[in-house]
Every structure is written in structure tokens, then in C-alpha cells.
Amino acid sequence: FLLPPRQRTKARFMHVDTHVEWAQNL
């Protein structure tokens, strides 16, 4: 339940904020 989101294979840099937001919440 605490794992990071999966990295996208397409349009990866349009959704990099999901990893940053996850790490800050963690």
C-alpha cells in the first residue's frame, strides 16, 4: 500500500510529478 507508482512507457515526462509527490508523502 506504500509502493511508488509504475513508470510510464509513453509520455513519461508528462507525469513525473507523480513520483515526486509520492516520495514527499512517504
PDB file of all heavy atoms in Angstrom:
ATOM      1  N   PHE A   1       0.809  -1.221   0.000  1.00  0.00           N
ATOM      2  CA  PHE A   1       0.000   0.000   0.000  1.00  0.00           C
ATOM      3  C   PHE A   1       0.844   1.273   0.000  1.00  0.00           C
ATOM      4  O   PHE A   1       0.315   2.366  -0.190  1.00  0.00           O
ATOM      5  CB  PHE A   1      -0.958   0.000   1.200  1.00  0.00           C
ATOM      6  CG  PHE A   1      -0.307   0.246   2.533  1.00  0.00           C
ATOM      7  CD1 PHE A   1      -0.361   1.482   3.142  1.00  0.00           C
ATOM      8  CD2 PHE A   1       0.364  -0.787   3.185  1.00  0.00           C
ATOM      9  CE1 PHE A   1       0.231   1.709   4.369  1.00  0.00           C
ATOM     10  CE2 PHE A   1       0.946  -0.580   4.417  1.00  0.00           C
ATOM     11  CZ  PHE A   1       0.881   0.669   5.015  1.00  0.00           C
ATOM     12  N   LEU A   2       2.153   1.153   0.204  1.00  0.00           N
ATOM     13  CA  LEU A   2       3.035   2.316   0.213  1.00  0.00           C
ATOM     14  C   LEU A   2       3.917   2.391  -1.032  1.00  0.00           C
ATOM     15  O   LEU A   2       4.751   3.299  -1.124  1.00  0.00           O
ATOM     16  CB  LEU A   2       3.939   2.272   1.453  1.00  0.00           C
ATOM     17  CG  LEU A   2       3.258   2.492   2.808  1.00  0.00           C
ATOM     18  CD1 LEU A   2       4.251   2.256   3.932  1.00  0.00           C
ATOM     19  CD2 LEU A   2       2.672   3.879   2.895  1.00  0.00           C
ATOM     20  N   LEU A   3       3.733   1.501  -1.979  1.00  0.00           N
ATOM     21  CA  LEU A   3       4.659   1.408  -3.103  1.00  0.00           C
ATOM     22  C   LEU A   3       4.537   2.610  -4.049  1.00  0.00           C
ATOM     23  O   LEU A   3       3.480   3.238  -4.150  1.00  0.00           O
ATOM     24  CB  LEU A   3       4.395   0.125  -3.884  1.00  0.00           C
ATOM     25  CG  LEU A   3       4.814  -1.171  -3.169  1.00  0.00           C
ATOM     26  CD1 LEU A   3       4.485  -2.368  -4.032  1.00  0.00           C
ATOM     27  CD2 LEU A   3       6.293  -1.152  -2.828  1.00  0.00           C
ATOM     28  N   PRO A   4       5.619   2.920  -4.763  1.00  0.00           N
ATOM     29  CA  PRO A   4       5.588   4.036  -5.728  1.00  0.00           C
ATOM     30  C   PRO A   4       4.756   3.678  -6.948  1.00  0.00           C
ATOM     31  O   PRO A   4       4.505   2.501  -7.224  1.00  0.00           O
ATOM     32  CB  PRO A   4       7.065   4.213  -6.093  1.00  0.00           C
ATOM     33  CG  PRO A   4       7.678   2.873  -5.866  1.00  0.00           C
ATOM     34  CD  PRO A   4       6.951   2.286  -4.694  1.00  0.00           C
ATOM     35  N   PRO A   5       4.309   4.686  -7.706  1.00  0.00           N
ATOM     36  CA  PRO A   5       3.567   4.398  -8.949  1.00  0.00           C
ATOM     37  C   PRO A   5       4.478   3.784  -9.999  1.00  0.00           C
ATOM     38  O   PRO A   5       5.707   3.950  -9.951  1.00  0.00           O
ATOM     39  CB  PRO A   5       3.064   5.780  -9.388  1.00  0.00           C
ATOM     40  CG  PRO A   5       4.013   6.747  -8.767  1.00  0.00           C
ATOM     41  CD  PRO A   5       4.448   6.139  -7.473  1.00  0.00           C
ATOM     42  N   ARG A   6       3.890   3.074 -10.918  1.00  0.00           N
ATOM     43  CA  ARG A   6       4.663   2.479 -12.008  1.00  0.00           C
ATOM     44  C   ARG A   6       5.099   3.561 -12.992  1.00  0.00           C
ATOM     45  O   ARG A   6       4.363   4.520 -13.243  1.00  0.00           O
ATOM     46  CB  ARG A   6       3.848   1.419 -12.745  1.00  0.00           C
ATOM     47  CG  ARG A   6       3.539   0.203 -11.900  1.00  0.00           C
ATOM     48  CD  ARG A   6       2.916  -0.904 -12.728  1.00  0.00           C
ATOM     49  NE  ARG A   6       2.638  -2.059 -11.888  1.00  0.00           N
ATOM     50  CZ  ARG A   6       3.518  -3.011 -11.597  1.00  0.00           C
ATOM     51  NH1 ARG A   6       4.744  -2.930 -12.104  1.00  0.00           N
ATOM     52  NH2 ARG A   6       3.202  -4.027 -10.834  1.00  0.00           N
ATOM     53  N   GLN A   7       6.287   3.383 -13.530  1.00  0.00           N
ATOM     54  CA  GLN A   7       6.785   4.334 -14.513  1.00  0.00           C
ATOM     55  C   GLN A   7       6.101   4.073 -15.856  1.00  0.00           C
ATOM     56  O   GLN A   7       5.949   2.929 -16.277  1.00  0.00           O
ATOM     57  CB  GLN A   7       8.299   4.195 -14.662  1.00  0.00           C
ATOM     58  CG  GLN A   7       9.067   4.514 -13.393  1.00  0.00           C
ATOM     59  CD  GLN A   7      10.555   4.369 -13.571  1.00  0.00           C
ATOM     60  OE1 GLN A   7      11.086   4.655 -14.633  1.00  0.00           O
ATOM     61  NE2 GLN A   7      11.238   3.914 -12.533  1.00  0.00           N
ATOM     62  N   ARG A   8       5.683   5.126 -16.492  1.00  0.00           N
ATOM     63  CA  ARG A   8       5.002   5.009 -17.778  1.00  0.00           C
ATOM     64  C   ARG A   8       6.006   4.713 -18.880  1.00  0.00           C
ATOM     65  O   ARG A   8       7.156   5.155 -18.826  1.00  0.00           O
ATOM     66  CB  ARG A   8       4.257   6.304 -18.114  1.00  0.00           C
ATOM     67  CG  ARG A   8       3.059   6.555 -17.201  1.00  0.00           C
ATOM     68  CD  ARG A   8       2.476   7.921 -17.475  1.00  0.00           C
ATOM     69  NE  ARG A   8       1.233   8.118 -16.732  1.00  0.00           N
ATOM     70  CZ  ARG A   8       0.032   8.010 -17.260  1.00  0.00           C
ATOM     71  NH1 ARG A   8      -0.097   7.707 -18.538  1.00  0.00           N
ATOM     72  NH2 ARG A   8      -1.035   8.203 -16.535  1.00  0.00           N
ATOM     73  N   THR A   9       5.535   3.985 -19.885  1.00  0.00           N
ATOM     74  CA  THR A   9       6.386   3.725 -21.044  1.00  0.00           C
ATOM     75  C   THR A   9       6.277   4.838 -22.080  1.00  0.00           C
ATOM     76  O   THR A   9       7.192   5.037 -22.871  1.00  0.00           O
ATOM     77  CB  THR A   9       6.001   2.391 -21.694  1.00  0.00           C
ATOM     78  OG1 THR A   9       4.607   2.419 -22.023  1.00  0.00           O
ATOM     79  CG2 THR A   9       6.259   1.234 -20.730  1.00  0.00           C
ATOM     80  N   LYS A  10       5.135   5.555 -22.089  1.00  0.00           N
ATOM     81  CA  LYS A  10       4.932   6.667 -23.018  1.00  0.00           C
ATOM     82  C   LYS A  10       4.618   7.928 -22.230  1.00  0.00           C
ATOM     83  O   LYS A  10       4.043   7.868 -21.144  1.00  0.00           O
ATOM     84  CB  LYS A  10       3.788   6.368 -23.997  1.00  0.00           C
ATOM     85  CG  LYS A  10       4.065   5.206 -24.938  1.00  0.00           C
ATOM     86  CD  LYS A  10       2.893   4.985 -25.879  1.00  0.00           C
ATOM     87  CE  LYS A  10       3.162   3.837 -26.835  1.00  0.00           C
ATOM     88  NZ  LYS A  10       2.013   3.605 -27.756  1.00  0.00           N
ATOM     89  N   ALA A  11       4.981   9.071 -22.805  1.00  0.00           N
ATOM     90  CA  ALA A  11       4.706  10.374 -22.175  1.00  0.00           C
ATOM     91  C   ALA A  11       5.181  10.384 -20.721  1.00  0.00           C
ATOM     92  O   ALA A  11       4.502  10.877 -19.832  1.00  0.00           O
ATOM     93  CB  ALA A  11       3.220  10.718 -22.266  1.00  0.00           C
ATOM     94  N   ARG A  12       6.358   9.820 -20.477  1.00  0.00           N
ATOM     95  CA  ARG A  12       6.840   9.656 -19.103  1.00  0.00           C
ATOM     96  C   ARG A  12       7.054  10.987 -18.409  1.00  0.00           C
ATOM     97  O   ARG A  12       6.738  11.144 -17.228  1.00  0.00           O
ATOM     98  CB  ARG A  12       8.140   8.845 -19.128  1.00  0.00           C
ATOM     99  CG  ARG A  12       8.729   8.572 -17.771  1.00  0.00           C
ATOM    100  CD  ARG A  12       9.932   7.658 -17.870  1.00  0.00           C
ATOM    101  NE  ARG A  12       9.567   6.350 -18.400  1.00  0.00           N
ATOM    102  CZ  ARG A  12      10.453   5.383 -18.652  1.00  0.00           C
ATOM    103  NH1 ARG A  12      11.737   5.591 -18.446  1.00  0.00           N
ATOM    104  NH2 ARG A  12      10.058   4.221 -19.113  1.00  0.00           N
ATOM    105  N   PHE A  13       7.588  11.966 -19.147  1.00  0.00           N
ATOM    106  CA  PHE A  13       7.928  13.240 -18.510  1.00  0.00           C
ATOM    107  C   PHE A  13       6.729  14.171 -18.388  1.00  0.00           C
ATOM    108  O   PHE A  13       6.871  15.277 -17.891  1.00  0.00           O
ATOM    109  CB  PHE A  13       9.069  13.915 -19.273  1.00  0.00           C
ATOM    110  CG  PHE A  13      10.397  13.250 -19.030  1.00  0.00           C
ATOM    111  CD1 PHE A  13      10.846  12.259 -19.883  1.00  0.00           C
ATOM    112  CD2 PHE A  13      11.163  13.595 -17.942  1.00  0.00           C
ATOM    113  CE1 PHE A  13      12.057  11.629 -19.650  1.00  0.00           C
ATOM    114  CE2 PHE A  13      12.375  12.973 -17.701  1.00  0.00           C
ATOM    115  CZ  PHE A  13      12.828  11.987 -18.555  1.00  0.00           C
ATOM    116  N   MET A  14       5.556  13.730 -18.847  1.00  0.00           N
ATOM    117  CA  MET A  14       4.341  14.487 -18.583  1.00  0.00           C
ATOM    118  C   MET A  14       3.724  14.090 -17.243  1.00  0.00           C
ATOM    119  O   MET A  14       2.766  14.701 -16.797  1.00  0.00           O
ATOM    120  CB  MET A  14       3.325  14.279 -19.707  1.00  0.00           C
ATOM    121  CG  MET A  14       3.758  14.858 -21.036  1.00  0.00           C
ATOM    122  SD  MET A  14       2.479  14.770 -22.289  1.00  0.00           S
ATOM    123  CE  MET A  14       1.296  15.958 -21.666  1.00  0.00           C
ATOM    124  N   HIS A  15       4.289  13.060 -16.597  1.00  0.00           N
ATOM    125  CA  HIS A  15       3.717  12.564 -15.344  1.00  0.00           C
ATOM    126  C   HIS A  15       4.796  12.323 -14.291  1.00  0.00           C
ATOM    127  O   HIS A  15       4.600  11.509 -13.393  1.00  0.00           O
ATOM    128  CB  HIS A  15       2.948  11.262 -15.605  1.00  0.00           C
ATOM    129  CG  HIS A  15       1.869  11.383 -16.626  1.00  0.00           C
ATOM    130  ND1 HIS A  15       2.086  11.168 -17.969  1.00  0.00           N
ATOM    131  CD2 HIS A  15       0.556  11.718 -16.524  1.00  0.00           C
ATOM    132  CE1 HIS A  15       0.966  11.354 -18.634  1.00  0.00           C
ATOM    133  NE2 HIS A  15       0.021  11.688 -17.787  1.00  0.00           N
ATOM    134  N   VAL A  16       5.929  13.014 -14.389  1.00  0.00           N
ATOM    135  CA  VAL A  16       6.991  12.805 -13.403  1.00  0.00           C
ATOM    136  C   VAL A  16       6.588  13.318 -12.032  1.00  0.00           C
ATOM    137  O   VAL A  16       7.148  12.892 -11.018  1.00  0.00           O
ATOM    138  CB  VAL A  16       8.296  13.494 -13.854  1.00  0.00           C
ATOM    139  CG1 VAL A  16       8.881  12.807 -15.067  1.00  0.00           C
ATOM    140  CG2 VAL A  16       8.053  14.970 -14.144  1.00  0.00           C
ATOM    141  N   ASP A  17       5.616  14.226 -11.982  1.00  0.00           N
ATOM    142  CA  ASP A  17       5.219  14.767 -10.681  1.00  0.00           C
ATOM    143  C   ASP A  17       4.599  13.698  -9.788  1.00  0.00           C
ATOM    144  O   ASP A  17       4.587  13.848  -8.559  1.00  0.00           O
ATOM    145  CB  ASP A  17       4.232  15.917 -10.871  1.00  0.00           C
ATOM    146  CG  ASP A  17       2.996  15.493 -11.652  1.00  0.00           C
ATOM    147  OD1 ASP A  17       3.164  14.818 -12.685  1.00  0.00           O
ATOM    148  OD2 ASP A  17       1.890  15.836 -11.235  1.00  0.00           O
ATOM    149  N   THR A  18       4.104  12.591 -10.359  1.00  0.00           N
ATOM    150  CA  THR A  18       3.510  11.550  -9.526  1.00  0.00           C
ATOM    151  C   THR A  18       4.557  10.891  -8.634  1.00  0.00           C
ATOM    152  O   THR A  18       4.279  10.578  -7.469  1.00  0.00           O
ATOM    153  CB  THR A  18       2.834  10.490 -10.407  1.00  0.00           C
ATOM    154  OG1 THR A  18       3.806   9.940 -11.321  1.00  0.00           O
ATOM    155  CG2 THR A  18       1.698  11.083 -11.200  1.00  0.00           C
ATOM    156  N   HIS A  19       5.769  10.679  -9.152  1.00  0.00           N
ATOM    157  CA  HIS A  19       6.830  10.081  -8.345  1.00  0.00           C
ATOM    158  C   HIS A  19       7.319  11.049  -7.266  1.00  0.00           C
ATOM    159  O   HIS A  19       7.589  10.641  -6.130  1.00  0.00           O
ATOM    160  CB  HIS A  19       7.992   9.651  -9.240  1.00  0.00           C
ATOM    161  CG  HIS A  19       7.747   8.366  -9.966  1.00  0.00           C
ATOM    162  ND1 HIS A  19       6.971   8.284 -11.093  1.00  0.00           N
ATOM    163  CD2 HIS A  19       8.159   7.098  -9.698  1.00  0.00           C
ATOM    164  CE1 HIS A  19       6.934   7.027 -11.504  1.00  0.00           C
ATOM    165  NE2 HIS A  19       7.642   6.295 -10.671  1.00  0.00           N
ATOM    166  N   VAL A  20       7.425  12.321  -7.617  1.00  0.00           N
ATOM    167  CA  VAL A  20       7.884  13.310  -6.635  1.00  0.00           C
ATOM    168  C   VAL A  20       6.845  13.448  -5.522  1.00  0.00           C
ATOM    169  O   VAL A  20       7.193  13.483  -4.328  1.00  0.00           O
ATOM    170  CB  VAL A  20       8.142  14.666  -7.326  1.00  0.00           C
ATOM    171  CG1 VAL A  20       8.506  15.732  -6.303  1.00  0.00           C
ATOM    172  CG2 VAL A  20       9.252  14.526  -8.359  1.00  0.00           C
ATOM    173  N   GLU A  21       5.596  13.534  -5.896  1.00  0.00           N
ATOM    174  CA  GLU A  21       4.537  13.655  -4.893  1.00  0.00           C
ATOM    175  C   GLU A  21       4.486  12.422  -3.992  1.00  0.00           C
ATOM    176  O   GLU A  21       4.315  12.536  -2.772  1.00  0.00           O
ATOM    177  CB  GLU A  21       3.193  13.851  -5.596  1.00  0.00           C
ATOM    178  CG  GLU A  21       2.030  14.072  -4.650  1.00  0.00           C
ATOM    179  CD  GLU A  21       0.721  14.290  -5.383  1.00  0.00           C
ATOM    180  OE1 GLU A  21       0.742  14.311  -6.632  1.00  0.00           O
ATOM    181  OE2 GLU A  21      -0.314  14.430  -4.722  1.00  0.00           O
ATOM    182  N   TRP A  22       4.663  11.234  -4.595  1.00  0.00           N
ATOM    183  CA  TRP A  22       4.670  10.014  -3.784  1.00  0.00           C
ATOM    184  C   TRP A  22       5.812  10.033  -2.773  1.00  0.00           C
ATOM    185  O   TRP A  22       5.613   9.709  -1.585  1.00  0.00           O
ATOM    186  CB  TRP A  22       4.815   8.793  -4.694  1.00  0.00           C
ATOM    187  CG  TRP A  22       5.178   7.552  -3.926  1.00  0.00           C
ATOM    188  CD1 TRP A  22       4.333   6.729  -3.252  1.00  0.00           C
ATOM    189  CD2 TRP A  22       6.502   7.033  -3.722  1.00  0.00           C
ATOM    190  NE1 TRP A  22       5.042   5.725  -2.642  1.00  0.00           N
ATOM    191  CE2 TRP A  22       6.364   5.886  -2.914  1.00  0.00           C
ATOM    192  CE3 TRP A  22       7.769   7.423  -4.144  1.00  0.00           C
ATOM    193  CZ2 TRP A  22       7.460   5.118  -2.521  1.00  0.00           C
ATOM    194  CZ3 TRP A  22       8.868   6.665  -3.756  1.00  0.00           C
ATOM    195  CH2 TRP A  22       8.719   5.533  -2.956  1.00  0.00           C
ATOM    196  N   ALA A  23       7.014  10.401  -3.217  1.00  0.00           N
ATOM    197  CA  ALA A  23       8.171  10.390  -2.319  1.00  0.00           C
ATOM    198  C   ALA A  23       8.001  11.395  -1.183  1.00  0.00           C
ATOM    199  O   ALA A  23       8.360  11.107  -0.030  1.00  0.00           O
ATOM    200  CB  ALA A  23       9.444  10.687  -3.107  1.00  0.00           C
ATOM    201  N   GLN A  24       7.458  12.554  -1.479  1.00  0.00           N
ATOM    202  CA  GLN A  24       7.249  13.545  -0.413  1.00  0.00           C
ATOM    203  C   GLN A  24       6.195  13.062   0.591  1.00  0.00           C
ATOM    204  O   GLN A  24       6.351  13.261   1.799  1.00  0.00           O
ATOM    205  CB  GLN A  24       6.841  14.876  -1.028  1.00  0.00           C
ATOM    206  CG  GLN A  24       7.990  15.576  -1.749  1.00  0.00           C
ATOM    207  CD  GLN A  24       7.663  17.016  -2.058  1.00  0.00           C
ATOM    208  OE1 GLN A  24       6.622  17.292  -2.634  1.00  0.00           O
ATOM    209  NE2 GLN A  24       8.546  17.928  -1.696  1.00  0.00           N
ATOM    210  N   ASN A  25       5.137  12.442   0.112  1.00  0.00           N
ATOM    211  CA  ASN A  25       4.142  11.882   1.025  1.00  0.00           C
ATOM    212  C   ASN A  25       4.739  10.764   1.876  1.00  0.00           C
ATOM    213  O   ASN A  25       4.408  10.627   3.063  1.00  0.00           O
ATOM    214  CB  ASN A  25       2.945  11.342   0.235  1.00  0.00           C
ATOM    215  CG  ASN A  25       2.100  12.447  -0.365  1.00  0.00           C
ATOM    216  OD1 ASN A  25       2.070  13.565   0.145  1.00  0.00           O
ATOM    217  ND2 ASN A  25       1.412  12.154  -1.452  1.00  0.00           N
ATOM    218  N   LEU A  26       5.626   9.973   1.286  1.00  0.00           N
ATOM    219  CA  LEU A  26       6.261   8.894   2.026  1.00  0.00           C
ATOM    220  C   LEU A  26       7.140   9.444   3.147  1.00  0.00           C
ATOM    221  O   LEU A  26       7.118   8.947   4.283  1.00  0.00           O
ATOM    222  CB  LEU A  26       7.087   8.037   1.070  1.00  0.00           C
ATOM    223  CG  LEU A  26       7.686   6.768   1.670  1.00  0.00           C
ATOM    224  CD1 LEU A  26       6.607   5.701   1.799  1.00  0.00           C
ATOM    225  CD2 LEU A  26       8.841   6.259   0.814  1.00  0.00           C
TER     226      LEU A  26
END
